[in-house]
PDB file of all heavy atoms in Angstrom:
ATOM      1  N   VAL A   1       5.019   0.271 -19.688  1.00  0.00           N
ATOM      2  CA  VAL A   1       4.740   0.597 -18.284  1.00  0.00           C
ATOM      3  C   VAL A   1       3.501   1.475 -18.111  1.00  0.00           C
ATOM      4  O   VAL A   1       2.819   1.391 -17.078  1.00  0.00           O
ATOM      5  CB  VAL A   1       5.973   1.294 -17.647  1.00  0.00           C
ATOM      6  CG1 VAL A   1       5.693   1.695 -16.203  1.00  0.00           C
ATOM      7  CG2 VAL A   1       7.154   0.362 -17.678  1.00  0.00           C
ATOM      8  N   LYS A   2       3.181   2.274 -19.140  1.00  0.00           N
ATOM      9  CA  LYS A   2       2.058   3.204 -18.977  1.00  0.00           C
ATOM     10  C   LYS A   2       0.742   2.503 -18.673  1.00  0.00           C
ATOM     11  O   LYS A   2      -0.132   3.049 -17.986  1.00  0.00           O
ATOM     12  CB  LYS A   2       1.915   4.090 -20.215  1.00  0.00           C
ATOM     13  CG  LYS A   2       1.504   3.329 -21.465  1.00  0.00           C
ATOM     14  CD  LYS A   2       1.378   4.271 -22.673  1.00  0.00           C
ATOM     15  CE  LYS A   2       0.969   3.528 -23.933  1.00  0.00           C
ATOM     16  NZ  LYS A   2       0.863   4.427 -25.104  1.00  0.00           N
ATOM     17  N   LYS A   3       0.606   1.260 -19.166  1.00  0.00           N
ATOM     18  CA  LYS A   3      -0.659   0.524 -18.912  1.00  0.00           C
ATOM     19  C   LYS A   3      -0.762   0.091 -17.453  1.00  0.00           C
ATOM     20  O   LYS A   3      -1.856  -0.243 -16.996  1.00  0.00           O
ATOM     21  CB  LYS A   3      -0.729  -0.694 -19.830  1.00  0.00           C
ATOM     22  CG  LYS A   3       0.360  -1.694 -19.665  1.00  0.00           C
ATOM     23  CD  LYS A   3       0.321  -2.731 -20.788  1.00  0.00           C
ATOM     24  CE  LYS A   3       1.511  -3.679 -20.713  1.00  0.00           C
ATOM     25  NZ  LYS A   3       1.565  -4.576 -21.875  1.00  0.00           N
ATOM     26  N   TYR A   4       0.369   0.087 -16.723  1.00  0.00           N
ATOM     27  CA  TYR A   4       0.331  -0.287 -15.312  1.00  0.00           C
ATOM     28  C   TYR A   4       0.122   0.929 -14.398  1.00  0.00           C
ATOM     29  O   TYR A   4      -0.091   0.769 -13.194  1.00  0.00           O
ATOM     30  CB  TYR A   4       1.625  -0.976 -14.912  1.00  0.00           C
ATOM     31  CG  TYR A   4       1.909  -2.257 -15.667  1.00  0.00           C
ATOM     32  CD1 TYR A   4       3.129  -2.440 -16.333  1.00  0.00           C
ATOM     33  CD2 TYR A   4       0.972  -3.276 -15.733  1.00  0.00           C
ATOM     34  CE1 TYR A   4       3.383  -3.607 -17.044  1.00  0.00           C
ATOM     35  CE2 TYR A   4       1.219  -4.447 -16.421  1.00  0.00           C
ATOM     36  CZ  TYR A   4       2.438  -4.611 -17.080  1.00  0.00           C
ATOM     37  OH  TYR A   4       2.704  -5.765 -17.773  1.00  0.00           O
ATOM     38  N   PHE A   5       0.189   2.128 -14.967  1.00  0.00           N
ATOM     39  CA  PHE A   5       0.070   3.358 -14.197  1.00  0.00           C
ATOM     40  C   PHE A   5      -1.235   3.410 -13.381  1.00  0.00           C
ATOM     41  O   PHE A   5      -1.192   3.762 -12.191  1.00  0.00           O
ATOM     42  CB  PHE A   5       0.180   4.561 -15.116  1.00  0.00           C
ATOM     43  CG  PHE A   5       0.211   5.907 -14.439  1.00  0.00           C
ATOM     44  CD1 PHE A   5       1.421   6.473 -14.043  1.00  0.00           C
ATOM     45  CD2 PHE A   5      -0.962   6.616 -14.159  1.00  0.00           C
ATOM     46  CE1 PHE A   5       1.490   7.700 -13.408  1.00  0.00           C
ATOM     47  CE2 PHE A   5      -0.910   7.842 -13.524  1.00  0.00           C
ATOM     48  CZ  PHE A   5       0.314   8.380 -13.144  1.00  0.00           C
ATOM     49  N   PRO A   6      -2.396   3.057 -13.976  1.00  0.00           N
ATOM     50  CA  PRO A   6      -3.651   3.091 -13.176  1.00  0.00           C
ATOM     51  C   PRO A   6      -3.631   2.164 -11.964  1.00  0.00           C
ATOM     52  O   PRO A   6      -4.296   2.439 -10.977  1.00  0.00           O
ATOM     53  CB  PRO A   6      -4.725   2.681 -14.184  1.00  0.00           C
ATOM     54  CG  PRO A   6      -4.137   2.993 -15.539  1.00  0.00           C
ATOM     55  CD  PRO A   6      -2.657   2.745 -15.382  1.00  0.00           C
ATOM     56  N   LEU A   7      -2.880   1.046 -12.045  1.00  0.00           N
ATOM     57  CA  LEU A   7      -2.799   0.131 -10.930  1.00  0.00           C
ATOM     58  C   LEU A   7      -2.189   0.797  -9.711  1.00  0.00           C
ATOM     59  O   LEU A   7      -2.710   0.700  -8.588  1.00  0.00           O
ATOM     60  CB  LEU A   7      -1.973  -1.099 -11.296  1.00  0.00           C
ATOM     61  CG  LEU A   7      -2.532  -1.993 -12.396  1.00  0.00           C
ATOM     62  CD1 LEU A   7      -1.490  -3.042 -12.801  1.00  0.00           C
ATOM     63  CD2 LEU A   7      -3.817  -2.685 -11.945  1.00  0.00           C
ATOM     64  N   ALA A   8      -1.061   1.498  -9.948  1.00  0.00           N
ATOM     65  CA  ALA A   8      -0.406   2.203  -8.846  1.00  0.00           C
ATOM     66  C   ALA A   8      -1.255   3.380  -8.357  1.00  0.00           C
ATOM     67  O   ALA A   8      -1.361   3.618  -7.160  1.00  0.00           O
ATOM     68  CB  ALA A   8       0.971   2.710  -9.311  1.00  0.00           C
ATOM     69  N   PHE A   9      -1.870   4.084  -9.298  1.00  0.00           N
ATOM     70  CA  PHE A   9      -2.658   5.281  -8.950  1.00  0.00           C
ATOM     71  C   PHE A   9      -3.878   4.920  -8.075  1.00  0.00           C
ATOM     72  O   PHE A   9      -4.032   5.427  -6.970  1.00  0.00           O
ATOM     73  CB  PHE A   9      -3.111   5.981 -10.227  1.00  0.00           C
ATOM     74  CG  PHE A   9      -3.837   7.288  -9.991  1.00  0.00           C
ATOM     75  CD1 PHE A   9      -3.121   8.462  -9.927  1.00  0.00           C
ATOM     76  CD2 PHE A   9      -5.213   7.324  -9.810  1.00  0.00           C
ATOM     77  CE1 PHE A   9      -3.781   9.674  -9.691  1.00  0.00           C
ATOM     78  CE2 PHE A   9      -5.865   8.522  -9.597  1.00  0.00           C
ATOM     79  CZ  PHE A   9      -5.142   9.715  -9.537  1.00  0.00           C
ATOM     80  N   PHE A  10      -4.709   4.008  -8.579  1.00  0.00           N
ATOM     81  CA  PHE A  10      -5.930   3.688  -7.840  1.00  0.00           C
ATOM     82  C   PHE A  10      -5.659   2.808  -6.628  1.00  0.00           C
ATOM     83  O   PHE A  10      -6.381   2.881  -5.634  1.00  0.00           O
ATOM     84  CB  PHE A  10      -6.959   3.027  -8.767  1.00  0.00           C
ATOM     85  CG  PHE A  10      -7.505   3.970  -9.794  1.00  0.00           C
ATOM     86  CD1 PHE A  10      -7.161   3.886 -11.136  1.00  0.00           C
ATOM     87  CD2 PHE A  10      -8.370   4.986  -9.402  1.00  0.00           C
ATOM     88  CE1 PHE A  10      -7.676   4.787 -12.049  1.00  0.00           C
ATOM     89  CE2 PHE A  10      -8.891   5.879 -10.306  1.00  0.00           C
ATOM     90  CZ  PHE A  10      -8.541   5.785 -11.663  1.00  0.00           C
ATOM     91  N   GLY A  11      -4.585   2.009  -6.701  1.00  0.00           N
ATOM     92  CA  GLY A  11      -4.177   1.247  -5.523  1.00  0.00           C
ATOM     93  C   GLY A  11      -3.806   2.165  -4.389  1.00  0.00           C
ATOM     94  O   GLY A  11      -4.200   1.974  -3.231  1.00  0.00           O
ATOM     95  N   SER A  12      -3.052   3.212  -4.690  1.00  0.00           N
ATOM     96  CA  SER A  12      -2.625   4.178  -3.682  1.00  0.00           C
ATOM     97  C   SER A  12      -3.803   4.972  -3.147  1.00  0.00           C
ATOM     98  O   SER A  12      -3.895   5.249  -1.938  1.00  0.00           O
ATOM     99  CB  SER A  12      -1.582   5.128  -4.260  1.00  0.00           C
ATOM    100  OG  SER A  12      -1.165   6.075  -3.311  1.00  0.00           O
ATOM    101  N   MET A  13      -4.703   5.387  -4.030  1.00  0.00           N
ATOM    102  CA  MET A  13      -5.850   6.141  -3.570  1.00  0.00           C
ATOM    103  C   MET A  13      -6.722   5.310  -2.599  1.00  0.00           C
ATOM    104  O   MET A  13      -7.202   5.799  -1.582  1.00  0.00           O
ATOM    105  CB  MET A  13      -6.706   6.607  -4.759  1.00  0.00           C
ATOM    106  CG  MET A  13      -7.844   7.516  -4.391  1.00  0.00           C
ATOM    107  SD  MET A  13      -8.574   8.360  -5.825  1.00  0.00           S
ATOM    108  CE  MET A  13      -7.355   9.638  -6.142  1.00  0.00           C
ATOM    109  N   PHE A  14      -6.864   4.039  -2.939  1.00  0.00           N
ATOM    110  CA  PHE A  14      -7.603   3.129  -2.070  1.00  0.00           C
ATOM    111  C   PHE A  14      -6.874   2.951  -0.721  1.00  0.00           C
ATOM    112  O   PHE A  14      -7.488   2.938   0.335  1.00  0.00           O
ATOM    113  CB  PHE A  14      -7.785   1.771  -2.752  1.00  0.00           C
ATOM    114  CG  PHE A  14      -8.575   0.771  -1.969  1.00  0.00           C
ATOM    115  CD1 PHE A  14      -9.783   1.107  -1.389  1.00  0.00           C
ATOM    116  CD2 PHE A  14      -8.097  -0.527  -1.799  1.00  0.00           C
ATOM    117  CE1 PHE A  14     -10.534   0.178  -0.668  1.00  0.00           C
ATOM    118  CE2 PHE A  14      -8.820  -1.458  -1.085  1.00  0.00           C
ATOM    119  CZ  PHE A  14     -10.042  -1.123  -0.511  1.00  0.00           C
ATOM    120  N   GLY A  15      -5.548   2.882  -0.788  1.00  0.00           N
ATOM    121  CA  GLY A  15      -4.751   2.763   0.447  1.00  0.00           C
ATOM    122  C   GLY A  15      -4.871   3.987   1.328  1.00  0.00           C
ATOM    123  O   GLY A  15      -5.002   3.870   2.544  1.00  0.00           O
ATOM    124  N   ALA A  16      -4.805   5.180   0.695  1.00  0.00           N
ATOM    125  CA  ALA A  16      -4.908   6.420   1.458  1.00  0.00           C
ATOM    126  C   ALA A  16      -6.302   6.557   2.091  1.00  0.00           C
ATOM    127  O   ALA A  16      -6.443   7.084   3.210  1.00  0.00           O
ATOM    128  CB  ALA A  16      -4.629   7.616   0.542  1.00  0.00           C
ATOM    129  N   TRP A  17      -7.319   6.076   1.410  1.00  0.00           N
ATOM    130  CA  TRP A  17      -8.663   6.114   1.962  1.00  0.00           C
ATOM    131  C   TRP A  17      -8.802   5.099   3.102  1.00  0.00           C
ATOM    132  O   TRP A  17      -9.377   5.405   4.161  1.00  0.00           O
ATOM    133  CB  TRP A  17      -9.695   5.785   0.873  1.00  0.00           C
ATOM    134  CG  TRP A  17     -11.084   5.687   1.391  1.00  0.00           C
ATOM    135  CD1 TRP A  17     -11.956   6.707   1.685  1.00  0.00           C
ATOM    136  CD2 TRP A  17     -11.804   4.467   1.712  1.00  0.00           C
ATOM    137  NE1 TRP A  17     -13.148   6.208   2.154  1.00  0.00           N
ATOM    138  CE2 TRP A  17     -13.093   4.839   2.168  1.00  0.00           C
ATOM    139  CE3 TRP A  17     -11.481   3.111   1.609  1.00  0.00           C
ATOM    140  CZ2 TRP A  17     -14.028   3.893   2.559  1.00  0.00           C
ATOM    141  CZ3 TRP A  17     -12.413   2.179   2.013  1.00  0.00           C
ATOM    142  CH2 TRP A  17     -13.675   2.558   2.472  1.00  0.00           C
ATOM    143  N   THR A  18      -8.204   3.916   2.917  1.00  0.00           N
ATOM    144  CA  THR A  18      -8.284   2.856   3.934  1.00  0.00           C
ATOM    145  C   THR A  18      -7.607   3.256   5.243  1.00  0.00           C
ATOM    146  O   THR A  18      -8.067   2.898   6.340  1.00  0.00           O
ATOM    147  CB  THR A  18      -7.652   1.547   3.402  1.00  0.00           C
ATOM    148  OG1 THR A  18      -8.298   1.196   2.180  1.00  0.00           O
ATOM    149  CG2 THR A  18      -7.826   0.395   4.403  1.00  0.00           C
ATOM    150  N   VAL A  19      -6.496   3.999   5.122  1.00  0.00           N
ATOM    151  CA  VAL A  19      -5.721   4.347   6.314  1.00  0.00           C
ATOM    152  C   VAL A  19      -6.500   5.233   7.286  1.00  0.00           C
ATOM    153  O   VAL A  19      -6.173   5.340   8.462  1.00  0.00           O
ATOM    154  CB  VAL A  19      -4.387   5.021   5.924  1.00  0.00           C
ATOM    155  CG1 VAL A  19      -4.584   6.474   5.555  1.00  0.00           C
ATOM    156  CG2 VAL A  19      -3.361   4.888   7.047  1.00  0.00           C
ATOM    157  N   THR A  20      -7.576   5.859   6.799  1.00  0.00           N
ATOM    158  CA  THR A  20      -8.396   6.708   7.662  1.00  0.00           C
ATOM    159  C   THR A  20      -9.222   5.866   8.634  1.00  0.00           C
ATOM    160  O   THR A  20      -9.731   6.393   9.622  1.00  0.00           O
ATOM    161  CB  THR A  20      -9.335   7.599   6.847  1.00  0.00           C
ATOM    162  OG1 THR A  20     -10.229   6.776   6.049  1.00  0.00           O
ATOM    163  CG2 THR A  20      -8.553   8.511   5.895  1.00  0.00           C
ATOM    164  N   SER A  21      -9.364   4.566   8.360  1.00  0.00           N
ATOM    165  CA  SER A  21     -10.205   3.734   9.234  1.00  0.00           C
ATOM    166  C   SER A  21      -9.458   2.534   9.817  1.00  0.00           C
ATOM    167  O   SER A  21      -9.942   1.910  10.759  1.00  0.00           O
ATOM    168  CB  SER A  21     -11.421   3.204   8.457  1.00  0.00           C
ATOM    169  OG  SER A  21     -11.024   2.512   7.297  1.00  0.00           O
ATOM    170  N   ILE A  22      -8.261   2.231   9.296  1.00  0.00           N
ATOM    171  CA  ILE A  22      -7.476   1.090   9.803  1.00  0.00           C
ATOM    172  C   ILE A  22      -6.081   1.568  10.125  1.00  0.00           C
ATOM    173  O   ILE A  22      -5.472   2.319   9.367  1.00  0.00           O
ATOM    174  CB  ILE A  22      -7.409  -0.043   8.748  1.00  0.00           C
ATOM    175  CG1 ILE A  22      -8.820  -0.551   8.416  1.00  0.00           C
ATOM    176  CG2 ILE A  22      -6.567  -1.198   9.267  1.00  0.00           C
ATOM    177  CD1 ILE A  22      -8.838  -1.600   7.322  1.00  0.00           C
ATOM    178  N   SER A  23      -5.506   1.119  11.241  1.00  0.00           N
ATOM    179  CA  SER A  23      -4.181   1.543  11.647  1.00  0.00           C
ATOM    180  C   SER A  23      -3.113   0.998  10.713  1.00  0.00           C
ATOM    181  O   SER A  23      -3.097  -0.211  10.406  1.00  0.00           O
ATOM    182  CB  SER A  23      -3.890   1.071  13.073  1.00  0.00           C
ATOM    183  OG  SER A  23      -2.521   1.308  13.392  1.00  0.00           O
ATOM    184  N   PRO A  24      -2.183   1.873  10.258  1.00  0.00           N
ATOM    185  CA  PRO A  24      -1.093   1.385   9.398  1.00  0.00           C
ATOM    186  C   PRO A  24      -0.136   0.457  10.127  1.00  0.00           C
ATOM    187  O   PRO A  24       0.687  -0.207   9.491  1.00  0.00           O
ATOM    188  CB  PRO A  24      -0.381   2.688   8.997  1.00  0.00           C
ATOM    189  CG  PRO A  24      -0.770   3.701  10.013  1.00  0.00           C
ATOM    190  CD  PRO A  24      -2.145   3.313  10.458  1.00  0.00           C
ATOM    191  N   GLU A  25      -0.243   0.371  11.471  1.00  0.00           N
ATOM    192  CA  GLU A  25       0.619  -0.548  12.230  1.00  0.00           C
ATOM    193  C   GLU A  25       0.413  -1.991  11.777  1.00  0.00           C
ATOM    194  O   GLU A  25       1.304  -2.828  11.920  1.00  0.00           O
ATOM    195  CB  GLU A  25       0.313  -0.432  13.730  1.00  0.00           C
ATOM    196  CG  GLU A  25       0.611   0.923  14.339  1.00  0.00           C
ATOM    197  CD  GLU A  25       2.098   1.229  14.313  1.00  0.00           C
ATOM    198  OE1 GLU A  25       2.901   0.309  14.572  1.00  0.00           O
ATOM    199  OE2 GLU A  25       2.450   2.372  14.019  1.00  0.00           O
ATOM    200  N   LEU A  26      -0.766  -2.297  11.210  1.00  0.00           N
ATOM    201  CA  LEU A  26      -1.062  -3.639  10.770  1.00  0.00           C
ATOM    202  C   LEU A  26      -0.151  -4.106   9.648  1.00  0.00           C
ATOM    203  O   LEU A  26       0.152  -5.306   9.528  1.00  0.00           O
ATOM    204  CB  LEU A  26      -2.526  -3.742  10.313  1.00  0.00           C
ATOM    205  CG  LEU A  26      -3.611  -3.510  11.396  1.00  0.00           C
ATOM    206  CD1 LEU A  26      -4.986  -3.459  10.768  1.00  0.00           C
ATOM    207  CD2 LEU A  26      -3.520  -4.609  12.460  1.00  0.00           C
ATOM    208  N   LEU A  27       0.298  -3.165   8.808  1.00  0.00           N
ATOM    209  CA  LEU A  27       1.149  -3.521   7.673  1.00  0.00           C
ATOM    210  C   LEU A  27       2.632  -3.494   7.996  1.00  0.00           C
ATOM    211  O   LEU A  27       3.444  -3.994   7.213  1.00  0.00           O
ATOM    212  CB  LEU A  27       0.869  -2.577   6.498  1.00  0.00           C
ATOM    213  CG  LEU A  27      -0.200  -2.962   5.490  1.00  0.00           C
ATOM    214  CD1 LEU A  27      -0.173  -2.015   4.304  1.00  0.00           C
ATOM    215  CD2 LEU A  27      -0.020  -4.380   4.997  1.00  0.00           C
ATOM    216  N   LYS A  28       3.017  -2.930   9.110  1.00  0.00           N
ATOM    217  CA  LYS A  28       4.446  -2.748   9.388  1.00  0.00           C
ATOM    218  C   LYS A  28       5.231  -4.051   9.465  1.00  0.00           C
ATOM    219  O   LYS A  28       6.332  -4.162   8.906  1.00  0.00           O
ATOM    220  CB  LYS A  28       4.640  -1.901  10.655  1.00  0.00           C
ATOM    221  CG  LYS A  28       4.462  -0.421  10.415  1.00  0.00           C
ATOM    222  CD  LYS A  28       4.917   0.409  11.590  1.00  0.00           C
ATOM    223  CE  LYS A  28       4.843   1.888  11.253  1.00  0.00           C
ATOM    224  NZ  LYS A  28       5.303   2.736  12.359  1.00  0.00           N
ATOM    225  N   PRO A  29       4.749  -5.110  10.157  1.00  0.00           N
ATOM    226  CA  PRO A  29       5.510  -6.354  10.174  1.00  0.00           C
ATOM    227  C   PRO A  29       5.748  -6.927   8.785  1.00  0.00           C
ATOM    228  O   PRO A  29       6.844  -7.421   8.478  1.00  0.00           O
ATOM    229  CB  PRO A  29       4.611  -7.284  11.022  1.00  0.00           C
ATOM    230  CG  PRO A  29       3.816  -6.382  11.862  1.00  0.00           C
ATOM    231  CD  PRO A  29       3.541  -5.185  10.992  1.00  0.00           C
ATOM    232  N   LEU A  30       4.733  -6.855   7.908  1.00  0.00           N
ATOM    233  CA  LEU A  30       4.891  -7.357   6.532  1.00  0.00           C
ATOM    234  C   LEU A  30       5.903  -6.514   5.777  1.00  0.00           C
ATOM    235  O   LEU A  30       6.739  -7.043   5.040  1.00  0.00           O
ATOM    236  CB  LEU A  30       3.542  -7.305   5.811  1.00  0.00           C
ATOM    237  CG  LEU A  30       3.544  -7.738   4.352  1.00  0.00           C
ATOM    238  CD1 LEU A  30       4.047  -9.179   4.212  1.00  0.00           C
ATOM    239  CD2 LEU A  30       2.161  -7.593   3.733  1.00  0.00           C
ATOM    240  N   MET A  31       5.876  -5.200   5.964  1.00  0.00           N
ATOM    241  CA  MET A  31       6.816  -4.299   5.314  1.00  0.00           C
ATOM    242  C   MET A  31       8.249  -4.625   5.730  1.00  0.00           C
ATOM    243  O   MET A  31       9.165  -4.666   4.900  1.00  0.00           O
ATOM    244  CB  MET A  31       6.467  -2.860   5.624  1.00  0.00           C
ATOM    245  CG  MET A  31       7.380  -1.814   4.992  1.00  0.00           C
ATOM    246  SD  MET A  31       8.697  -1.267   6.090  1.00  0.00           S
ATOM    247  CE  MET A  31       7.736  -0.320   7.259  1.00  0.00           C
ATOM    248  N   LEU A  32       8.450  -4.867   7.026  1.00  0.00           N
ATOM    249  CA  LEU A  32       9.809  -5.186   7.540  1.00  0.00           C
ATOM    250  C   LEU A  32      10.311  -6.493   6.936  1.00  0.00           C
ATOM    251  O   LEU A  32      11.467  -6.613   6.558  1.00  0.00           O
ATOM    252  CB  LEU A  32       9.773  -5.259   9.068  1.00  0.00           C
ATOM    253  CG  LEU A  32       9.485  -3.950   9.793  1.00  0.00           C
ATOM    254  CD1 LEU A  32       9.364  -4.192  11.289  1.00  0.00           C
ATOM    255  CD2 LEU A  32      10.564  -2.902   9.519  1.00  0.00           C
ATOM    256  N   PHE A  33       9.419  -7.489   6.873  1.00  0.00           N
ATOM    257  CA  PHE A  33       9.813  -8.783   6.290  1.00  0.00           C
ATOM    258  C   PHE A  33      10.203  -8.641   4.820  1.00  0.00           C
ATOM    259  O   PHE A  33      11.183  -9.196   4.364  1.00  0.00           O
ATOM    260  CB  PHE A  33       8.650  -9.776   6.442  1.00  0.00           C
ATOM    261  CG  PHE A  33       8.872 -11.074   5.696  1.00  0.00           C
ATOM    262  CD1 PHE A  33       9.704 -12.047   6.235  1.00  0.00           C
ATOM    263  CD2 PHE A  33       8.293 -11.289   4.453  1.00  0.00           C
ATOM    264  CE1 PHE A  33       9.932 -13.238   5.543  1.00  0.00           C
ATOM    265  CE2 PHE A  33       8.485 -12.485   3.770  1.00  0.00           C
ATOM    266  CZ  PHE A  33       9.332 -13.459   4.311  1.00  0.00           C
ATOM    267  N   MET A  34       9.409  -7.845   4.083  1.00  0.00           N
ATOM    268  CA  MET A  34       9.696  -7.667   2.645  1.00  0.00           C
ATOM    269  C   MET A  34      11.000  -6.927   2.429  1.00  0.00           C
ATOM    270  O   MET A  34      11.787  -7.261   1.540  1.00  0.00           O
ATOM    271  CB  MET A  34       8.514  -6.905   1.987  1.00  0.00           C
ATOM    272  CG  MET A  34       7.259  -7.725   1.874  1.00  0.00           C
ATOM    273  SD  MET A  34       5.873  -6.779   1.180  1.00  0.00           S
ATOM    274  CE  MET A  34       6.499  -6.416  -0.461  1.00  0.00           C
ATOM    275  N   LEU A  35      11.265  -5.887   3.222  1.00  0.00           N
ATOM    276  CA  LEU A  35      12.531  -5.157   3.096  1.00  0.00           C
ATOM    277  C   LEU A  35      13.720  -6.064   3.397  1.00  0.00           C
ATOM    278  O   LEU A  35      14.750  -6.003   2.705  1.00  0.00           O
ATOM    279  CB  LEU A  35      12.548  -3.947   4.046  1.00  0.00           C
ATOM    280  CG  LEU A  35      11.754  -2.705   3.618  1.00  0.00           C
ATOM    281  CD1 LEU A  35      11.708  -1.701   4.734  1.00  0.00           C
ATOM    282  CD2 LEU A  35      12.377  -2.073   2.352  1.00  0.00           C
ATOM    283  N   ALA A  36      13.596  -6.901   4.417  1.00  0.00           N
ATOM    284  CA  ALA A  36      14.674  -7.828   4.760  1.00  0.00           C
ATOM    285  C   ALA A  36      14.902  -8.825   3.635  1.00  0.00           C
ATOM    286  O   ALA A  36      16.055  -9.096   3.230  1.00  0.00           O
ATOM    287  CB  ALA A  36      14.324  -8.565   6.060  1.00  0.00           C
ATOM    288  N   ALA A  37      13.815  -9.376   3.081  1.00  0.00           N
ATOM    289  CA  ALA A  37      13.945 -10.359   1.998  1.00  0.00           C
ATOM    290  C   ALA A  37      14.578  -9.732   0.747  1.00  0.00           C
ATOM    291  O   ALA A  37      15.436 -10.341   0.091  1.00  0.00           O
ATOM    292  CB  ALA A  37      12.559 -10.923   1.663  1.00  0.00           C
TER     293      ALA A  37
END
């Protein structure tokens, strides 16, 4: 699992940076669908 750690780390950093310019409301419908599935 340790080799996958950078994927989560840099993915999240990119996400946190992106949220400053794009509304998180865009991802909510996808998140709801995934939770239901």
